[in-house]
């Protein structure tokens, strides 16, 4: 099996997932971080050399939006 050297994932929806289940947003973030840990371990086991994880907050202020644009 050909395994890619680099995989990138974008985290999205953990807070909304928790809210839909009647839980606080930070519960969703905690569960999401547990999933990222599992993904990292599995990627390592599979021989993936690089894993990039992007996490952006959905609701951000104007100053932070400007910083993101500069990136």
PDB file of N, CA and C in Angstrom:
ATOM      1  N   UNK A   1       0.849  -1.182   0.000  1.00  0.00           N
ATOM      2  CA  UNK A   1       0.000   0.000   0.000  1.00  0.00           C
ATOM      3  C   UNK A   1       0.889   1.238   0.000  1.00  0.00           C
ATOM      4  N   UNK A   2       0.589   2.183  -0.877  1.00  0.00           N
ATOM      5  CA  UNK A   2       1.308   3.450  -0.912  1.00  0.00           C
ATOM      6  C   UNK A   2       0.760   4.369   0.170  1.00  0.00           C
ATOM      7  N   UNK A   3       1.650   4.842   1.018  1.00  0.00           N
ATOM      8  CA  UNK A   3       1.264   5.735   2.112  1.00  0.00           C
ATOM      9  C   UNK A   3       1.814   7.121   1.811  1.00  0.00           C
ATOM     10  N   UNK A   4       0.963   8.155   1.867  1.00  0.00           N
ATOM     11  CA  UNK A   4       1.470   9.507   1.621  1.00  0.00           C
ATOM     12  C   UNK A   4       2.443   9.923   2.720  1.00  0.00           C
ATOM     13  N   UNK A   5       3.383  10.794   2.367  1.00  0.00           N
ATOM     14  CA  UNK A   5       4.332  11.294   3.353  1.00  0.00           C
ATOM     15  C   UNK A   5       3.736  12.406   4.200  1.00  0.00           C
ATOM     16  N   UNK A   6       2.763  13.129   3.637  1.00  0.00           N
ATOM     17  CA  UNK A   6       2.204  14.295   4.334  1.00  0.00           C
ATOM     18  C   UNK A   6       0.690  14.298   4.184  1.00  0.00           C
ATOM     19  N   UNK A   7       0.008  14.484   5.291  1.00  0.00           N
ATOM     20  CA  UNK A   7      -1.446  14.625   5.298  1.00  0.00           C
ATOM     21  C   UNK A   7      -1.777  15.881   6.098  1.00  0.00           C
ATOM     22  N   UNK A   8      -2.738  16.654   5.610  1.00  0.00           N
ATOM     23  CA  UNK A   8      -3.217  17.832   6.326  1.00  0.00           C
ATOM     24  C   UNK A   8      -4.709  17.651   6.594  1.00  0.00           C
ATOM     25  N   UNK A   9      -5.128  18.001   7.798  1.00  0.00           N
ATOM     26  CA  UNK A   9      -6.546  17.939   8.139  1.00  0.00           C
ATOM     27  C   UNK A   9      -6.972  19.269   8.748  1.00  0.00           C
ATOM     28  N   UNK A  10      -8.239  19.599   8.547  1.00  0.00           N
ATOM     29  CA  UNK A  10      -8.807  20.824   9.103  1.00  0.00           C
ATOM     30  C   UNK A  10      -9.858  20.415  10.120  1.00  0.00           C
ATOM     31  N   UNK A  11      -9.677  20.840  11.346  1.00  0.00           N
ATOM     32  CA  UNK A  11     -10.636  20.549  12.401  1.00  0.00           C
ATOM     33  C   UNK A  11     -11.786  21.540  12.302  1.00  0.00           C
ATOM     34  N   UNK A  12     -12.995  21.032  12.368  1.00  0.00           N
ATOM     35  CA  UNK A  12     -14.145  21.923  12.257  1.00  0.00           C
ATOM     36  C   UNK A  12     -15.357  21.258  12.888  1.00  0.00           C
ATOM     37  N   UNK A  13     -16.104  22.024  13.656  1.00  0.00           N
ATOM     38  CA  UNK A  13     -17.389  21.554  14.136  1.00  0.00           C
ATOM     39  C   UNK A  13     -17.429  20.909  15.496  1.00  0.00           C
ATOM     40  N   UNK A  14     -16.330  20.893  16.227  1.00  0.00           N
ATOM     41  CA  UNK A  14     -16.350  20.259  17.548  1.00  0.00           C
ATOM     42  C   UNK A  14     -17.293  20.966  18.507  1.00  0.00           C
ATOM     43  N   UNK A  15     -17.273  22.284  18.497  1.00  0.00           N
ATOM     44  CA  UNK A  15     -18.159  23.047  19.373  1.00  0.00           C
ATOM     45  C   UNK A  15     -19.616  22.875  18.984  1.00  0.00           C
ATOM     46  N   UNK A  16     -19.891  22.897  17.671  1.00  0.00           N
ATOM     47  CA  UNK A  16     -21.264  22.694  17.204  1.00  0.00           C
ATOM     48  C   UNK A  16     -21.746  21.283  17.515  1.00  0.00           C
ATOM     49  N   UNK A  17     -20.863  20.306  17.377  1.00  0.00           N
ATOM     50  CA  UNK A  17     -21.201  18.919  17.704  1.00  0.00           C
ATOM     51  C   UNK A  17     -21.630  18.812  19.159  1.00  0.00           C
ATOM     52  N   UNK A  18     -20.852  19.406  20.057  1.00  0.00           N
ATOM     53  CA  UNK A  18     -21.176  19.349  21.486  1.00  0.00           C
ATOM     54  C   UNK A  18     -22.494  20.065  21.762  1.00  0.00           C
ATOM     55  N   UNK A  19     -22.673  21.233  21.164  1.00  0.00           N
ATOM     56  CA  UNK A  19     -23.898  21.998  21.378  1.00  0.00           C
ATOM     57  C   UNK A  19     -25.123  21.201  20.923  1.00  0.00           C
ATOM     58  N   UNK A  20     -25.015  20.495  19.804  1.00  0.00           N
ATOM     59  CA  UNK A  20     -26.118  19.682  19.308  1.00  0.00           C
ATOM     60  C   UNK A  20     -26.460  18.538  20.268  1.00  0.00           C
ATOM     61  N   UNK A  21     -25.482  18.127  21.056  1.00  0.00           N
ATOM     62  CA  UNK A  21     -25.691  17.066  22.039  1.00  0.00           C
ATOM     63  C   UNK A  21     -26.040  17.611  23.421  1.00  0.00           C
ATOM     64  N   UNK A  22     -26.245  18.952  23.500  1.00  0.00           N
ATOM     65  CA  UNK A  22     -26.612  19.563  24.771  1.00  0.00           C
ATOM     66  C   UNK A  22     -25.447  19.727  25.736  1.00  0.00           C
ATOM     67  N   UNK A  23     -24.237  19.686  25.212  1.00  0.00           N
ATOM     68  CA  UNK A  23     -23.033  19.810  26.035  1.00  0.00           C
ATOM     69  C   UNK A  23     -22.382  21.168  25.769  1.00  0.00           C
ATOM     70  N   UNK A  24     -21.506  21.627  26.676  1.00  0.00           N
ATOM     71  CA  UNK A  24     -20.794  22.891  26.431  1.00  0.00           C
ATOM     72  C   UNK A  24     -19.773  22.749  25.300  1.00  0.00           C
ATOM     73  N   UNK A  25     -19.485  23.881  24.663  1.00  0.00           N
ATOM     74  CA  UNK A  25     -18.538  23.869  23.534  1.00  0.00           C
ATOM     75  C   UNK A  25     -17.183  23.269  23.915  1.00  0.00           C
ATOM     76  N   UNK A  26     -16.711  23.583  25.120  1.00  0.00           N
ATOM     77  CA  UNK A  26     -15.384  23.073  25.504  1.00  0.00           C
ATOM     78  C   UNK A  26     -15.366  21.549  25.606  1.00  0.00           C
ATOM     79  N   UNK A  27     -16.518  20.927  25.844  1.00  0.00           N
ATOM     80  CA  UNK A  27     -16.600  19.460  25.824  1.00  0.00           C
ATOM     81  C   UNK A  27     -16.286  18.958  24.413  1.00  0.00           C
ATOM     82  N   UNK A  28     -16.845  19.625  23.429  1.00  0.00           N
ATOM     83  CA  UNK A  28     -16.563  19.250  22.046  1.00  0.00           C
ATOM     84  C   UNK A  28     -15.103  19.414  21.695  1.00  0.00           C
ATOM     85  N   UNK A  29     -14.500  20.477  22.191  1.00  0.00           N
ATOM     86  CA  UNK A  29     -13.077  20.698  21.916  1.00  0.00           C
ATOM     87  C   UNK A  29     -12.232  19.619  22.592  1.00  0.00           C
ATOM     88  N   UNK A  30     -12.598  19.226  23.800  1.00  0.00           N
ATOM     89  CA  UNK A  30     -11.867  18.167  24.503  1.00  0.00           C
ATOM     90  C   UNK A  30     -11.978  16.845  23.744  1.00  0.00           C
ATOM     91  N   UNK A  31     -13.173  16.530  23.262  1.00  0.00           N
ATOM     92  CA  UNK A  31     -13.356  15.291  22.502  1.00  0.00           C
ATOM     93  C   UNK A  31     -12.597  15.355  21.180  1.00  0.00           C
ATOM     94  N   UNK A  32     -12.598  16.523  20.552  1.00  0.00           N
ATOM     95  CA  UNK A  32     -11.851  16.696  19.311  1.00  0.00           C
ATOM     96  C   UNK A  32     -10.360  16.496  19.517  1.00  0.00           C
ATOM     97  N   UNK A  33      -9.830  16.989  20.636  1.00  0.00           N
ATOM     98  CA  UNK A  33      -8.391  16.818  20.894  1.00  0.00           C
ATOM     99  C   UNK A  33      -8.052  15.349  21.133  1.00  0.00           C
ATOM    100  N   UNK A  34      -8.962  14.600  21.727  1.00  0.00           N
ATOM    101  CA  UNK A  34      -8.740  13.155  21.896  1.00  0.00           C
ATOM    102  C   UNK A  34      -8.681  12.470  20.526  1.00  0.00           C
ATOM    103  N   UNK A  35      -9.553  12.898  19.618  1.00  0.00           N
ATOM    104  CA  UNK A  35      -9.529  12.331  18.268  1.00  0.00           C
ATOM    105  C   UNK A  35      -8.244  12.672  17.530  1.00  0.00           C
ATOM    106  N   UNK A  36      -7.749  13.892  17.717  1.00  0.00           N
ATOM    107  CA  UNK A  36      -6.486  14.281  17.078  1.00  0.00           C
ATOM    108  C   UNK A  36      -5.350  13.405  17.597  1.00  0.00           C
ATOM    109  N   UNK A  37      -5.362  13.117  18.875  1.00  0.00           N
ATOM    110  CA  UNK A  37      -4.324  12.249  19.438  1.00  0.00           C
ATOM    111  C   UNK A  37      -4.376  10.864  18.788  1.00  0.00           C
ATOM    112  N   UNK A  38      -5.571  10.325  18.613  1.00  0.00           N
ATOM    113  CA  UNK A  38      -5.716   9.017  17.956  1.00  0.00           C
ATOM    114  C   UNK A  38      -5.230   9.073  16.514  1.00  0.00           C
ATOM    115  N   UNK A  39      -5.574  10.156  15.827  1.00  0.00           N
ATOM    116  CA  UNK A  39      -5.141  10.319  14.437  1.00  0.00           C
ATOM    117  C   UNK A  39      -3.622  10.374  14.354  1.00  0.00           C
ATOM    118  N   UNK A  40      -2.989  11.114  15.263  1.00  0.00           N
ATOM    119  CA  UNK A  40      -1.523  11.217  15.279  1.00  0.00           C
ATOM    120  C   UNK A  40      -0.877   9.855  15.498  1.00  0.00           C
ATOM    121  N   UNK A  41      -1.402   9.103  16.438  1.00  0.00           N
ATOM    122  CA  UNK A  41      -0.847   7.769  16.719  1.00  0.00           C
ATOM    123  C   UNK A  41      -0.999   6.845  15.519  1.00  0.00           C
ATOM    124  N   UNK A  42      -2.159   6.887  14.882  1.00  0.00           N
ATOM    125  CA  UNK A  42      -2.392   6.021  13.718  1.00  0.00           C
ATOM    126  C   UNK A  42      -1.540   6.447  12.533  1.00  0.00           C
ATOM    127  N   UNK A  43      -1.391   7.752  12.323  1.00  0.00           N
ATOM    128  CA  UNK A  43      -0.535   8.237  11.242  1.00  0.00           C
ATOM    129  C   UNK A  43       0.904   7.765  11.456  1.00  0.00           C
ATOM    130  N   UNK A  44       1.380   7.839  12.675  1.00  0.00           N
ATOM    131  CA  UNK A  44       2.736   7.376  13.006  1.00  0.00           C
ATOM    132  C   UNK A  44       2.867   5.888  12.721  1.00  0.00           C
ATOM    133  N   UNK A  45       1.852   5.129  13.144  1.00  0.00           N
ATOM    134  CA  UNK A  45       1.874   3.677  12.954  1.00  0.00           C
ATOM    135  C   UNK A  45       1.907   3.325  11.463  1.00  0.00           C
ATOM    136  N   UNK A  46       1.211   4.112  10.649  1.00  0.00           N
ATOM    137  CA  UNK A  46       1.147   3.852   9.216  1.00  0.00           C
ATOM    138  C   UNK A  46       2.391   4.310   8.467  1.00  0.00           C
ATOM    139  N   UNK A  47       3.251   5.074   9.128  1.00  0.00           N
ATOM    140  CA  UNK A  47       4.469   5.548   8.488  1.00  0.00           C
ATOM    141  C   UNK A  47       4.342   6.900   7.818  1.00  0.00           C
ATOM    142  N   UNK A  48       3.301   7.632   8.145  1.00  0.00           N
ATOM    143  CA  UNK A  48       3.138   8.985   7.605  1.00  0.00           C
ATOM    144  C   UNK A  48       4.129   9.894   8.330  1.00  0.00           C
ATOM    145  N   UNK A  49       4.960  10.582   7.570  1.00  0.00           N
ATOM    146  CA  UNK A  49       6.025  11.379   8.171  1.00  0.00           C
ATOM    147  C   UNK A  49       5.555  12.728   8.691  1.00  0.00           C
ATOM    148  N   UNK A  50       4.615  13.340   7.997  1.00  0.00           N
ATOM    149  CA  UNK A  50       4.183  14.694   8.356  1.00  0.00           C
ATOM    150  C   UNK A  50       2.659  14.755   8.445  1.00  0.00           C
ATOM    151  N   UNK A  51       2.174  15.332   9.513  1.00  0.00           N
ATOM    152  CA  UNK A  51       0.749  15.537   9.711  1.00  0.00           C
ATOM    153  C   UNK A  51       0.547  16.994  10.109  1.00  0.00           C
ATOM    154  N   UNK A  52      -0.188  17.719   9.292  1.00  0.00           N
ATOM    155  CA  UNK A  52      -0.486  19.115   9.578  1.00  0.00           C
ATOM    156  C   UNK A  52      -1.937  19.203  10.016  1.00  0.00           C
ATOM    157  N   UNK A  53      -2.165  19.858  11.142  1.00  0.00           N
ATOM    158  CA  UNK A  53      -3.513  20.000  11.681  1.00  0.00           C
ATOM    159  C   UNK A  53      -3.836  21.484  11.779  1.00  0.00           C
ATOM    160  N   UNK A  54      -4.907  21.883  11.099  1.00  0.00           N
ATOM    161  CA  UNK A  54      -5.362  23.269  11.140  1.00  0.00           C
ATOM    162  C   UNK A  54      -6.606  23.352  12.018  1.00  0.00           C
ATOM    163  N   UNK A  55      -6.628  24.327  12.897  1.00  0.00           N
ATOM    164  CA  UNK A  55      -7.807  24.566  13.728  1.00  0.00           C
ATOM    165  C   UNK A  55      -8.057  26.061  13.776  1.00  0.00           C
ATOM    166  N   UNK A  56      -9.205  26.471  13.284  1.00  0.00           N
ATOM    167  CA  UNK A  56      -9.574  27.879  13.297  1.00  0.00           C
ATOM    168  C   UNK A  56     -10.870  28.047  14.060  1.00  0.00           C
ATOM    169  N   UNK A  57     -10.953  29.119  14.771  1.00  0.00           N
ATOM    170  CA  UNK A  57     -12.166  29.458  15.501  1.00  0.00           C
ATOM    171  C   UNK A  57     -13.157  30.070  14.523  1.00  0.00           C
ATOM    172  N   UNK A  58     -14.406  29.627  14.585  1.00  0.00           N
ATOM    173  CA  UNK A  58     -15.409  30.118  13.645  1.00  0.00           C
ATOM    174  C   UNK A  58     -15.718  31.591  13.880  1.00  0.00           C
ATOM    175  N   UNK A  59     -15.916  31.982  15.120  1.00  0.00           N
ATOM    176  CA  UNK A  59     -16.258  33.370  15.442  1.00  0.00           C
ATOM    177  C   UNK A  59     -15.010  34.081  15.935  1.00  0.00           C
ATOM    178  N   UNK A  60     -14.476  34.959  15.082  1.00  0.00           N
ATOM    179  CA  UNK A  60     -13.277  35.686  15.466  1.00  0.00           C
ATOM    180  C   UNK A  60     -13.503  37.180  15.276  1.00  0.00           C
ATOM    181  N   UNK A  61     -12.760  37.960  16.025  1.00  0.00           N
ATOM    182  CA  UNK A  61     -12.889  39.415  15.961  1.00  0.00           C
ATOM    183  C   UNK A  61     -12.221  40.004  14.734  1.00  0.00           C
ATOM    184  N   UNK A  62     -12.476  41.284  14.500  1.00  0.00           N
ATOM    185  CA  UNK A  62     -11.959  41.965  13.309  1.00  0.00           C
ATOM    186  C   UNK A  62     -10.434  41.979  13.273  1.00  0.00           C
ATOM    187  N   UNK A  63      -9.794  42.189  14.426  1.00  0.00           N
ATOM    188  CA  UNK A  63      -8.333  42.234  14.458  1.00  0.00           C
ATOM    189  C   UNK A  63      -7.743  40.873  14.087  1.00  0.00           C
ATOM    190  N   UNK A  64      -8.348  39.812  14.578  1.00  0.00           N
ATOM    191  CA  UNK A  64      -7.855  38.475  14.259  1.00  0.00           C
ATOM    192  C   UNK A  64      -8.115  38.128  12.802  1.00  0.00           C
ATOM    193  N   UNK A  65      -9.228  38.615  12.244  1.00  0.00           N
ATOM    194  CA  UNK A  65      -9.498  38.389  10.828  1.00  0.00           C
ATOM    195  C   UNK A  65      -8.410  39.023   9.974  1.00  0.00           C
ATOM    196  N   UNK A  66      -7.971  40.220  10.363  1.00  0.00           N
ATOM    197  CA  UNK A  66      -6.916  40.896   9.622  1.00  0.00           C
ATOM    198  C   UNK A  66      -5.626  40.085   9.677  1.00  0.00           C
ATOM    199  N   UNK A  67      -5.291  39.559  10.839  1.00  0.00           N
ATOM    200  CA  UNK A  67      -4.083  38.733  10.974  1.00  0.00           C
ATOM    201  C   UNK A  67      -4.169  37.513  10.072  1.00  0.00           C
ATOM    202  N   UNK A  68      -5.345  36.880   9.999  1.00  0.00           N
ATOM    203  CA  UNK A  68      -5.506  35.718   9.145  1.00  0.00           C
ATOM    204  C   UNK A  68      -5.322  36.088   7.678  1.00  0.00           C
ATOM    205  N   UNK A  69      -5.821  37.251   7.283  1.00  0.00           N
ATOM    206  CA  UNK A  69      -5.650  37.685   5.907  1.00  0.00           C
ATOM    207  C   UNK A  69      -4.177  37.869   5.571  1.00  0.00           C
ATOM    208  N   UNK A  70      -3.409  38.346   6.549  1.00  0.00           N
ATOM    209  CA  UNK A  70      -1.974  38.569   6.328  1.00  0.00           C
ATOM    210  C   UNK A  70      -1.209  37.256   6.191  1.00  0.00           C
ATOM    211  N   UNK A  71      -1.751  36.188   6.772  1.00  0.00           N
ATOM    212  CA  UNK A  71      -1.092  34.888   6.628  1.00  0.00           C
ATOM    213  C   UNK A  71      -1.194  34.436   5.198  1.00  0.00           C
TER     214      UNK A  71
END
